[in-house]
Amino acid sequence: MMIEANNERTHTMGKQVRLTKAQREALKAYRFAERQEDRYLGSVFVTPVGQREYEKRTQAAYEVCKRLGMSTEHGL
């Protein structure tokens, strides 16, 4: 299993969970959405409408991951 914190990967004892191609792509999209939301919220141009839009995108990417059967052991 791999734990990610502060963009650093740490291998832990145990078996690493294998992801299907669809799961890898969904996880990649989710992480990208999270980074974009964090970048936007760190901006001086944050508006309530923009914040809701980025949160919606991140939530949608998260839902896709959950629909594919992913959980914390997959890196969510």
N, C-alpha and C. Protein backbone atom coordinates (compact mmCIF):
# COMPACT_ATOMS: atom_id res chain seq x y z
N MET A 1 0.84 -1.16 0.00
CA MET A 1 0.00 0.00 0.00
C MET A 1 0.89 1.23 0.00
N MET A 2 0.43 2.28 -0.65
CA MET A 2 1.22 3.48 -0.75
C MET A 2 0.45 4.63 -0.11
N ILE A 3 1.13 5.42 0.69
CA ILE A 3 0.51 6.58 1.33
C ILE A 3 1.14 7.81 0.72
N GLU A 4 0.28 8.77 0.33
CA GLU A 4 0.80 10.01 -0.22
C GLU A 4 0.46 11.16 0.71
N ALA A 5 1.47 11.93 1.03
CA ALA A 5 1.28 13.11 1.85
C ALA A 5 2.28 14.15 1.39
N ASN A 6 1.80 15.33 1.16
CA ASN A 6 2.66 16.42 0.71
C ASN A 6 3.46 16.04 -0.54
N ASN A 7 2.79 15.38 -1.46
CA ASN A 7 3.37 14.96 -2.73
C ASN A 7 4.56 14.01 -2.57
N GLU A 8 4.63 13.30 -1.46
CA GLU A 8 5.68 12.31 -1.24
C GLU A 8 5.02 10.95 -1.09
N ARG A 9 5.56 9.97 -1.75
CA ARG A 9 5.02 8.63 -1.66
C ARG A 9 5.82 7.80 -0.68
N THR A 10 5.11 7.08 0.16
CA THR A 10 5.75 6.23 1.15
C THR A 10 5.16 4.83 1.04
N HIS A 11 6.00 3.86 0.84
CA HIS A 11 5.52 2.48 0.78
C HIS A 11 5.37 1.95 2.20
N THR A 12 4.26 1.28 2.43
CA THR A 12 4.04 0.68 3.74
C THR A 12 4.00 -0.82 3.57
N MET A 13 4.03 -1.50 4.66
CA MET A 13 3.96 -2.95 4.62
C MET A 13 2.59 -3.35 4.09
N GLY A 14 2.54 -4.40 3.33
CA GLY A 14 1.27 -4.86 2.80
C GLY A 14 1.29 -4.85 1.28
N LYS A 15 0.26 -5.40 0.73
CA LYS A 15 0.16 -5.51 -0.71
C LYS A 15 -0.41 -4.25 -1.32
N GLN A 16 0.17 -3.83 -2.44
CA GLN A 16 -0.34 -2.66 -3.14
C GLN A 16 -1.55 -3.08 -3.97
N VAL A 17 -2.58 -2.28 -3.94
CA VAL A 17 -3.80 -2.57 -4.67
C VAL A 17 -3.59 -2.20 -6.14
N ARG A 18 -3.93 -3.14 -7.02
CA ARG A 18 -3.80 -2.88 -8.45
C ARG A 18 -5.05 -2.19 -8.95
N LEU A 19 -4.86 -1.23 -9.83
CA LEU A 19 -5.97 -0.47 -10.38
C LEU A 19 -6.19 -0.83 -11.84
N THR A 20 -7.45 -0.80 -12.25
CA THR A 20 -7.75 -0.99 -13.67
C THR A 20 -7.42 0.31 -14.39
N LYS A 21 -7.44 0.26 -15.71
CA LYS A 21 -7.15 1.46 -16.49
C LYS A 21 -8.15 2.57 -16.18
N ALA A 22 -9.43 2.22 -16.09
CA ALA A 22 -10.47 3.21 -15.79
C ALA A 22 -10.27 3.81 -14.41
N GLN A 23 -9.87 2.98 -13.43
CA GLN A 23 -9.63 3.47 -12.08
C GLN A 23 -8.43 4.40 -12.04
N ARG A 24 -7.36 4.05 -12.76
CA ARG A 24 -6.18 4.92 -12.81
C ARG A 24 -6.53 6.28 -13.39
N GLU A 25 -7.30 6.29 -14.49
CA GLU A 25 -7.68 7.54 -15.12
C GLU A 25 -8.59 8.37 -14.21
N ALA A 26 -9.52 7.70 -13.52
CA ALA A 26 -10.42 8.41 -12.61
C ALA A 26 -9.64 9.00 -11.44
N LEU A 27 -8.69 8.25 -10.90
CA LEU A 27 -7.88 8.74 -9.79
C LEU A 27 -7.02 9.92 -10.23
N LYS A 28 -6.48 9.84 -11.43
CA LYS A 28 -5.68 10.93 -11.97
C LYS A 28 -6.54 12.18 -12.13
N ALA A 29 -7.76 12.02 -12.63
CA ALA A 29 -8.67 13.16 -12.80
C ALA A 29 -9.06 13.75 -11.45
N TYR A 30 -9.27 12.89 -10.45
CA TYR A 30 -9.63 13.37 -9.11
C TYR A 30 -8.48 14.17 -8.50
N ARG A 31 -7.29 13.66 -8.59
CA ARG A 31 -6.13 14.37 -8.03
C ARG A 31 -5.91 15.71 -8.74
N PHE A 32 -6.12 15.72 -10.06
CA PHE A 32 -5.99 16.97 -10.81
C PHE A 32 -7.05 17.98 -10.34
N ALA A 33 -8.29 17.52 -10.16
CA ALA A 33 -9.36 18.41 -9.70
C ALA A 33 -9.05 18.96 -8.32
N GLU A 34 -8.50 18.13 -7.44
CA GLU A 34 -8.11 18.59 -6.11
C GLU A 34 -7.03 19.66 -6.18
N ARG A 35 -6.02 19.43 -7.03
CA ARG A 35 -4.95 20.42 -7.17
C ARG A 35 -5.49 21.74 -7.72
N GLN A 36 -6.38 21.66 -8.70
CA GLN A 36 -6.95 22.88 -9.28
C GLN A 36 -7.77 23.64 -8.24
N GLU A 37 -8.54 22.92 -7.44
CA GLU A 37 -9.34 23.56 -6.39
C GLU A 37 -8.43 24.23 -5.37
N ASP A 38 -7.38 23.55 -4.94
CA ASP A 38 -6.44 24.13 -3.98
C ASP A 38 -5.76 25.37 -4.55
N ARG A 39 -5.39 25.30 -5.82
CA ARG A 39 -4.73 26.43 -6.46
C ARG A 39 -5.69 27.62 -6.53
N TYR A 40 -6.95 27.35 -6.89
CA TYR A 40 -7.93 28.42 -6.99
C TYR A 40 -8.21 29.05 -5.64
N LEU A 41 -8.36 28.22 -4.61
CA LEU A 41 -8.67 28.76 -3.28
C LEU A 41 -7.49 29.53 -2.69
N GLY A 42 -6.31 29.35 -3.23
CA GLY A 42 -5.16 30.12 -2.78
C GLY A 42 -5.00 31.43 -3.53
N SER A 43 -5.90 31.68 -4.48
CA SER A 43 -5.83 32.89 -5.29
C SER A 43 -6.51 34.05 -4.59
N VAL A 44 -6.17 35.26 -5.01
CA VAL A 44 -6.83 36.45 -4.47
C VAL A 44 -8.13 36.73 -5.20
N PHE A 45 -8.41 36.00 -6.28
CA PHE A 45 -9.59 36.24 -7.09
C PHE A 45 -10.72 35.26 -6.80
N VAL A 46 -10.73 34.66 -5.63
CA VAL A 46 -11.75 33.68 -5.25
C VAL A 46 -13.10 34.37 -5.10
N THR A 47 -14.12 33.78 -5.72
CA THR A 47 -15.49 34.25 -5.56
C THR A 47 -16.33 33.07 -5.09
N PRO A 48 -17.46 33.32 -4.46
CA PRO A 48 -18.32 32.22 -4.02
C PRO A 48 -18.78 31.34 -5.18
N VAL A 49 -19.09 31.94 -6.32
CA VAL A 49 -19.54 31.18 -7.49
C VAL A 49 -18.41 30.29 -8.00
N GLY A 50 -17.22 30.85 -8.09
CA GLY A 50 -16.06 30.09 -8.56
C GLY A 50 -15.71 28.96 -7.61
N GLN A 51 -15.81 29.24 -6.33
CA GLN A 51 -15.51 28.22 -5.32
C GLN A 51 -16.47 27.04 -5.45
N ARG A 52 -17.76 27.33 -5.60
CA ARG A 52 -18.74 26.25 -5.76
C ARG A 52 -18.48 25.44 -7.01
N GLU A 53 -18.06 26.11 -8.10
CA GLU A 53 -17.79 25.42 -9.36
C GLU A 53 -16.62 24.44 -9.20
N TYR A 54 -15.55 24.87 -8.56
CA TYR A 54 -14.40 23.98 -8.35
C TYR A 54 -14.75 22.85 -7.40
N GLU A 55 -15.54 23.14 -6.38
CA GLU A 55 -15.96 22.08 -5.46
C GLU A 55 -16.84 21.06 -6.17
N LYS A 56 -17.68 21.53 -7.10
CA LYS A 56 -18.54 20.64 -7.89
C LYS A 56 -17.70 19.70 -8.75
N ARG A 57 -16.66 20.26 -9.38
CA ARG A 57 -15.79 19.45 -10.23
C ARG A 57 -15.07 18.38 -9.42
N THR A 58 -14.56 18.77 -8.26
CA THR A 58 -13.86 17.82 -7.41
C THR A 58 -14.81 16.73 -6.91
N GLN A 59 -16.01 17.13 -6.52
CA GLN A 59 -17.00 16.16 -6.04
C GLN A 59 -17.40 15.19 -7.15
N ALA A 60 -17.56 15.69 -8.38
CA ALA A 60 -17.92 14.84 -9.50
C ALA A 60 -16.82 13.81 -9.78
N ALA A 61 -15.55 14.24 -9.72
CA ALA A 61 -14.43 13.32 -9.93
C ALA A 61 -14.38 12.28 -8.81
N TYR A 62 -14.68 12.69 -7.59
CA TYR A 62 -14.71 11.77 -6.45
C TYR A 62 -15.81 10.73 -6.63
N GLU A 63 -16.98 11.17 -7.09
CA GLU A 63 -18.10 10.25 -7.30
C GLU A 63 -17.77 9.21 -8.37
N VAL A 64 -17.06 9.61 -9.41
CA VAL A 64 -16.65 8.66 -10.45
C VAL A 64 -15.74 7.60 -9.84
N CYS A 65 -14.82 8.02 -9.00
CA CYS A 65 -13.92 7.06 -8.34
C CYS A 65 -14.71 6.10 -7.46
N LYS A 66 -15.64 6.62 -6.69
CA LYS A 66 -16.45 5.76 -5.81
C LYS A 66 -17.29 4.78 -6.63
N ARG A 67 -17.82 5.24 -7.76
CA ARG A 67 -18.62 4.38 -8.63
C ARG A 67 -17.80 3.22 -9.19
N LEU A 68 -16.50 3.46 -9.37
CA LEU A 68 -15.61 2.41 -9.87
C LEU A 68 -15.13 1.49 -8.75
N GLY A 69 -15.64 1.71 -7.54
CA GLY A 69 -15.32 0.81 -6.43
C GLY A 69 -14.04 1.17 -5.69
N MET A 70 -13.60 2.37 -5.81
CA MET A 70 -12.36 2.78 -5.14
C MET A 70 -12.66 3.30 -3.75
N SER A 71 -11.66 3.18 -2.87
CA SER A 71 -11.78 3.67 -1.50
C SER A 71 -10.43 4.19 -1.04
N THR A 72 -10.27 4.35 0.26
CA THR A 72 -9.01 4.87 0.78
C THR A 72 -7.83 3.99 0.47
N GLU A 73 -8.05 2.70 0.35
CA GLU A 73 -6.93 1.80 0.02
C GLU A 73 -6.44 2.00 -1.41
N HIS A 74 -7.22 2.67 -2.23
CA HIS A 74 -6.82 2.97 -3.60
C HIS A 74 -6.20 4.34 -3.73
N GLY A 75 -6.20 5.12 -2.66
CA GLY A 75 -5.57 6.42 -2.69
C GLY A 75 -6.53 7.59 -2.64
N LEU A 76 -7.81 7.34 -2.37
CA LEU A 76 -8.77 8.46 -2.25
C LEU A 76 -8.65 9.14 -0.91
